């Protein structure tokens, strides 16, 4: 269940008061060099809540089968063209979404996909059990489950169009 934070007004503070408290300089320390306020020199320019990659695929139905049957995504939305044909889907796994869009072939039928693109997916699930499930569905891993040098465990595989996926479980 999603939980919303109480607004500042509900807590009894106004936005102006809240903004003033954030911009107030830190108290001066005796005998110490003044601190550089990092927030002023490194301004945040973008705040995201999620990213939703959308892959253009050669065979939409084949890709849907891979992501749903092999990996376990569910189709959360379908998009149809004016002729009624399925043009794309949004897939969901946990709180993450991934889009698939049928190629319209405007850039040629022989263009490469997935080159230099790796989608890093983090899970709390058992990596070895996921690997076994993928193999049971007759799909090959490009990297068997292994421990990462920085901790955790991962596996890698490529989707039918060559997009590289790594599924990682932190330690």
C-alpha atoms as a PDB file:
ATOM      1  CA  UNK A   1       0.000   0.000   0.000  1.00  0.00           C
ATOM      2  CA  UNK A   2       1.345   3.402  -0.936  1.00  0.00           C
ATOM      3  CA  UNK A   3       1.827   5.841   1.906  1.00  0.00           C
ATOM      4  CA  UNK A   4       1.841   9.572   1.361  1.00  0.00           C
ATOM      5  CA  UNK A   5       3.902  11.887   3.477  1.00  0.00           C
ATOM      6  CA  UNK A   6       1.905  14.469   5.361  1.00  0.00           C
ATOM      7  CA  UNK A   7       2.063  17.820   3.671  1.00  0.00           C
ATOM      8  CA  UNK A   8       3.929  20.644   5.302  1.00  0.00           C
ATOM      9  CA  UNK A   9       0.672  22.500   5.867  1.00  0.00           C
ATOM     10  CA  UNK A  10      -0.799  19.514   7.690  1.00  0.00           C
ATOM     11  CA  UNK A  11       2.241  19.578   9.981  1.00  0.00           C
ATOM     12  CA  UNK A  12       1.638  23.268  10.677  1.00  0.00           C
ATOM     13  CA  UNK A  13       4.524  24.788   8.686  1.00  0.00           C
ATOM     14  CA  UNK A  14       4.269  26.816   5.559  1.00  0.00           C
ATOM     15  CA  UNK A  15       6.406  26.344   2.462  1.00  0.00           C
ATOM     16  CA  UNK A  16       8.064  29.710   3.013  1.00  0.00           C
ATOM     17  CA  UNK A  17       9.043  28.832   6.569  1.00  0.00           C
ATOM     18  CA  UNK A  18      10.320  25.464   5.416  1.00  0.00           C
ATOM     19  CA  UNK A  19      12.356  27.077   2.618  1.00  0.00           C
ATOM     20  CA  UNK A  20      13.828  29.638   5.035  1.00  0.00           C
ATOM     21  CA  UNK A  21      14.933  26.933   7.423  1.00  0.00           C
ATOM     22  CA  UNK A  22      16.712  25.093   4.612  1.00  0.00           C
ATOM     23  CA  UNK A  23      18.594  28.139   3.385  1.00  0.00           C
ATOM     24  CA  UNK A  24      19.737  29.389   6.783  1.00  0.00           C
ATOM     25  CA  UNK A  25      23.520  29.270   7.072  1.00  0.00           C
ATOM     26  CA  UNK A  26      25.032  26.861   9.563  1.00  0.00           C
ATOM     27  CA  UNK A  27      26.188  28.426  12.819  1.00  0.00           C
ATOM     28  CA  UNK A  28      29.810  29.558  12.752  1.00  0.00           C
ATOM     29  CA  UNK A  29      32.294  27.453  14.606  1.00  0.00           C
ATOM     30  CA  UNK A  30      35.015  29.239  16.539  1.00  0.00           C
ATOM     31  CA  UNK A  31      38.504  28.719  15.154  1.00  0.00           C
ATOM     32  CA  UNK A  32      37.370  26.596  12.202  1.00  0.00           C
ATOM     33  CA  UNK A  33      37.439  27.369   8.521  1.00  0.00           C
ATOM     34  CA  UNK A  34      33.990  28.101   7.111  1.00  0.00           C
ATOM     35  CA  UNK A  35      32.214  25.040   5.658  1.00  0.00           C
ATOM     36  CA  UNK A  36      31.278  25.039   2.038  1.00  0.00           C
ATOM     37  CA  UNK A  37      27.569  24.370   1.692  1.00  0.00           C
ATOM     38  CA  UNK A  38      27.451  21.382  -0.688  1.00  0.00           C
ATOM     39  CA  UNK A  39      23.799  21.945  -1.531  1.00  0.00           C
ATOM     40  CA  UNK A  40      24.623  25.289  -3.103  1.00  0.00           C
ATOM     41  CA  UNK A  41      27.558  24.097  -5.201  1.00  0.00           C
ATOM     42  CA  UNK A  42      26.001  20.821  -6.369  1.00  0.00           C
ATOM     43  CA  UNK A  43      22.434  21.663  -7.226  1.00  0.00           C
ATOM     44  CA  UNK A  44      20.097  18.783  -7.898  1.00  0.00           C
ATOM     45  CA  UNK A  45      18.619  19.174 -11.352  1.00  0.00           C
ATOM     46  CA  UNK A  46      16.360  16.151 -11.676  1.00  0.00           C
ATOM     47  CA  UNK A  47      14.264  14.017  -9.332  1.00  0.00           C
ATOM     48  CA  UNK A  48      12.970  10.737 -10.694  1.00  0.00           C
ATOM     49  CA  UNK A  49      10.682   8.229  -9.042  1.00  0.00           C
ATOM     50  CA  UNK A  50      11.194   5.514 -11.666  1.00  0.00           C
ATOM     51  CA  UNK A  51      12.585   4.902 -15.115  1.00  0.00           C
ATOM     52  CA  UNK A  52      10.633   2.961 -17.688  1.00  0.00           C
ATOM     53  CA  UNK A  53      12.774   1.758 -20.580  1.00  0.00           C
ATOM     54  CA  UNK A  54      10.894   0.932 -23.757  1.00  0.00           C
ATOM     55  CA  UNK A  55      12.462  -1.537 -26.166  1.00  0.00           C
ATOM     56  CA  UNK A  56      11.599  -1.554 -29.853  1.00  0.00           C
ATOM     57  CA  UNK A  57      11.348  -5.231 -30.766  1.00  0.00           C
ATOM     58  CA  UNK A  58      11.193  -7.243 -33.992  1.00  0.00           C
ATOM     59  CA  UNK A  59       8.408  -9.604 -32.881  1.00  0.00           C
ATOM     60  CA  UNK A  60       6.178  -8.195 -30.151  1.00  0.00           C
ATOM     61  CA  UNK A  61       4.385 -11.476 -29.342  1.00  0.00           C
ATOM     62  CA  UNK A  62       7.703 -13.359 -29.023  1.00  0.00           C
ATOM     63  CA  UNK A  63       9.070 -10.669 -26.691  1.00  0.00           C
ATOM     64  CA  UNK A  64       5.910 -10.679 -24.578  1.00  0.00           C
ATOM     65  CA  UNK A  65       6.231 -14.462 -24.182  1.00  0.00           C
ATOM     66  CA  UNK A  66       9.889 -14.081 -23.121  1.00  0.00           C
ATOM     67  CA  UNK A  67       9.234 -11.398 -20.519  1.00  0.00           C
ATOM     68  CA  UNK A  68       6.085 -13.024 -19.102  1.00  0.00           C
ATOM     69  CA  UNK A  69       6.759 -16.775 -19.418  1.00  0.00           C
ATOM     70  CA  UNK A  70      10.540 -16.844 -18.909  1.00  0.00           C
ATOM     71  CA  UNK A  71      11.121 -13.924 -16.523  1.00  0.00           C
ATOM     72  CA  UNK A  72       7.743 -13.534 -14.828  1.00  0.00           C
ATOM     73  CA  UNK A  73       6.652 -10.012 -15.792  1.00  0.00           C
ATOM     74  CA  UNK A  74       2.920  -9.356 -16.135  1.00  0.00           C
ATOM     75  CA  UNK A  75       1.299  -7.257 -18.858  1.00  0.00           C
ATOM     76  CA  UNK A  76      -0.080  -4.132 -17.189  1.00  0.00           C
ATOM     77  CA  UNK A  77      -1.230  -2.229 -20.291  1.00  0.00           C
ATOM     78  CA  UNK A  78      -1.698  -2.822 -24.019  1.00  0.00           C
ATOM     79  CA  UNK A  79      -1.507  -0.232 -26.808  1.00  0.00           C
ATOM     80  CA  UNK A  80      -3.291  -0.690 -30.124  1.00  0.00           C
ATOM     81  CA  UNK A  81      -2.896   1.194 -33.374  1.00  0.00           C
ATOM     82  CA  UNK A  82      -5.755   2.800 -35.294  1.00  0.00           C
ATOM     83  CA  UNK A  83      -6.171  -0.480 -37.191  1.00  0.00           C
ATOM     84  CA  UNK A  84      -6.671  -2.346 -33.896  1.00  0.00           C
ATOM     85  CA  UNK A  85      -3.356  -4.220 -34.098  1.00  0.00           C
ATOM     86  CA  UNK A  86      -1.310  -4.541 -30.932  1.00  0.00           C
ATOM     87  CA  UNK A  87       1.542  -2.001 -31.112  1.00  0.00           C
ATOM     88  CA  UNK A  88       3.030  -2.212 -27.630  1.00  0.00           C
ATOM     89  CA  UNK A  89       2.712  -3.252 -24.021  1.00  0.00           C
ATOM     90  CA  UNK A  90       3.834  -2.148 -20.598  1.00  0.00           C
ATOM     91  CA  UNK A  91       5.129  -4.963 -18.432  1.00  0.00           C
ATOM     92  CA  UNK A  92       5.393  -4.931 -14.668  1.00  0.00           C
ATOM     93  CA  UNK A  93       7.610  -6.859 -12.246  1.00  0.00           C
ATOM     94  CA  UNK A  94       7.280  -5.691  -8.658  1.00  0.00           C
ATOM     95  CA  UNK A  95       7.273  -1.890  -8.788  1.00  0.00           C
ATOM     96  CA  UNK A  96       9.302  -1.707 -12.018  1.00  0.00           C
ATOM     97  CA  UNK A  97       7.938  -1.310 -15.526  1.00  0.00           C
ATOM     98  CA  UNK A  98       9.369  -2.077 -18.945  1.00  0.00           C
ATOM     99  CA  UNK A  99       7.776  -1.222 -22.274  1.00  0.00           C
ATOM    100  CA  UNK A 100       7.854  -3.173 -25.519  1.00  0.00           C
ATOM    101  CA  UNK A 101       6.987  -1.566 -28.839  1.00  0.00           C
ATOM    102  CA  UNK A 102       6.617  -3.313 -32.188  1.00  0.00           C
ATOM    103  CA  UNK A 103       9.159  -2.017 -34.703  1.00  0.00           C
ATOM    104  CA  UNK A 104       7.544  -0.188 -37.634  1.00  0.00           C
ATOM    105  CA  UNK A 105      10.615  -0.987 -39.784  1.00  0.00           C
ATOM    106  CA  UNK A 106      11.066   2.696 -40.727  1.00  0.00           C
ATOM    107  CA  UNK A 107      14.791   2.392 -39.959  1.00  0.00           C
ATOM    108  CA  UNK A 108      15.210  -0.890 -41.824  1.00  0.00           C
ATOM    109  CA  UNK A 109      14.681  -4.520 -40.927  1.00  0.00           C
ATOM    110  CA  UNK A 110      18.332  -5.285 -40.298  1.00  0.00           C
ATOM    111  CA  UNK A 111      19.139  -2.702 -37.609  1.00  0.00           C
ATOM    112  CA  UNK A 112      20.791  -3.999 -34.459  1.00  0.00           C
ATOM    113  CA  UNK A 113      19.073  -3.807 -31.115  1.00  0.00           C
ATOM    114  CA  UNK A 114      20.437  -3.982 -27.609  1.00  0.00           C
ATOM    115  CA  UNK A 115      23.978  -3.041 -28.565  1.00  0.00           C
ATOM    116  CA  UNK A 116      25.684  -1.437 -25.561  1.00  0.00           C
ATOM    117  CA  UNK A 117      22.448  -1.476 -23.543  1.00  0.00           C
ATOM    118  CA  UNK A 118      22.317  -3.345 -20.250  1.00  0.00           C
ATOM    119  CA  UNK A 119      19.356  -3.097 -17.908  1.00  0.00           C
ATOM    120  CA  UNK A 120      20.415  -3.747 -14.318  1.00  0.00           C
ATOM    121  CA  UNK A 121      17.533  -5.186 -12.300  1.00  0.00           C
ATOM    122  CA  UNK A 122      17.688  -5.486  -8.508  1.00  0.00           C
ATOM    123  CA  UNK A 123      15.621  -8.070  -6.663  1.00  0.00           C
ATOM    124  CA  UNK A 124      15.267  -9.591  -3.215  1.00  0.00           C
ATOM    125  CA  UNK A 125      14.619 -13.017  -4.760  1.00  0.00           C
ATOM    126  CA  UNK A 126      17.003 -15.952  -4.783  1.00  0.00           C
ATOM    127  CA  UNK A 127      19.227 -15.633  -7.877  1.00  0.00           C
ATOM    128  CA  UNK A 128      19.909 -19.362  -8.141  1.00  0.00           C
ATOM    129  CA  UNK A 129      16.179 -20.169  -8.030  1.00  0.00           C
ATOM    130  CA  UNK A 130      15.533 -17.552 -10.751  1.00  0.00           C
ATOM    131  CA  UNK A 131      18.303 -19.051 -12.886  1.00  0.00           C
ATOM    132  CA  UNK A 132      16.789 -22.509 -12.506  1.00  0.00           C
ATOM    133  CA  UNK A 133      13.335 -21.223 -13.474  1.00  0.00           C
ATOM    134  CA  UNK A 134      14.763 -19.529 -16.575  1.00  0.00           C
ATOM    135  CA  UNK A 135      16.629 -22.685 -17.618  1.00  0.00           C
ATOM    136  CA  UNK A 136      13.531 -24.825 -16.992  1.00  0.00           C
ATOM    137  CA  UNK A 137      11.782 -22.702 -19.597  1.00  0.00           C
ATOM    138  CA  UNK A 138      14.546 -23.604 -22.078  1.00  0.00           C
ATOM    139  CA  UNK A 139      16.227 -20.230 -22.081  1.00  0.00           C
ATOM    140  CA  UNK A 140      19.987 -19.805 -21.942  1.00  0.00           C
ATOM    141  CA  UNK A 141      21.811 -17.528 -19.509  1.00  0.00           C
ATOM    142  CA  UNK A 142      24.754 -15.467 -20.760  1.00  0.00           C
ATOM    143  CA  UNK A 143      26.237 -15.492 -17.246  1.00  0.00           C
ATOM    144  CA  UNK A 144      25.488 -18.196 -14.723  1.00  0.00           C
ATOM    145  CA  UNK A 145      24.709 -17.061 -11.167  1.00  0.00           C
ATOM    146  CA  UNK A 146      27.873 -15.683  -9.631  1.00  0.00           C
ATOM    147  CA  UNK A 147      29.025 -13.606  -6.688  1.00  0.00           C
ATOM    148  CA  UNK A 148      29.859  -9.978  -7.458  1.00  0.00           C
ATOM    149  CA  UNK A 149      33.200  -8.561  -6.276  1.00  0.00           C
ATOM    150  CA  UNK A 150      31.323  -5.717  -4.542  1.00  0.00           C
ATOM    151  CA  UNK A 151      28.885  -8.108  -2.848  1.00  0.00           C
ATOM    152  CA  UNK A 152      25.657  -9.732  -3.851  1.00  0.00           C
ATOM    153  CA  UNK A 153      24.901 -12.277  -6.554  1.00  0.00           C
ATOM    154  CA  UNK A 154      23.733 -11.909 -10.141  1.00  0.00           C
ATOM    155  CA  UNK A 155      22.857 -13.651 -13.380  1.00  0.00           C
ATOM    156  CA  UNK A 156      22.700 -12.295 -16.929  1.00  0.00           C
ATOM    157  CA  UNK A 157      20.733 -13.114 -20.059  1.00  0.00           C
ATOM    158  CA  UNK A 158      19.760 -11.517 -23.359  1.00  0.00           C
ATOM    159  CA  UNK A 159      16.205 -11.049 -24.539  1.00  0.00           C
ATOM    160  CA  UNK A 160      15.190 -12.232 -28.041  1.00  0.00           C
ATOM    161  CA  UNK A 161      16.333  -8.924 -29.592  1.00  0.00           C
ATOM    162  CA  UNK A 162      19.696  -8.836 -27.830  1.00  0.00           C
ATOM    163  CA  UNK A 163      18.911  -6.441 -24.982  1.00  0.00           C
ATOM    164  CA  UNK A 164      21.180  -7.425 -22.091  1.00  0.00           C
ATOM    165  CA  UNK A 165      19.616  -7.971 -18.672  1.00  0.00           C
ATOM    166  CA  UNK A 166      21.398  -8.525 -15.368  1.00  0.00           C
ATOM    167  CA  UNK A 167      19.342  -9.558 -12.362  1.00  0.00           C
ATOM    168  CA  UNK A 168      21.138  -8.785  -9.110  1.00  0.00           C
ATOM    169  CA  UNK A 169      20.456  -9.505  -5.469  1.00  0.00           C
ATOM    170  CA  UNK A 170      22.413  -7.362  -2.997  1.00  0.00           C
ATOM    171  CA  UNK A 171      24.188  -9.119  -0.138  1.00  0.00           C
END
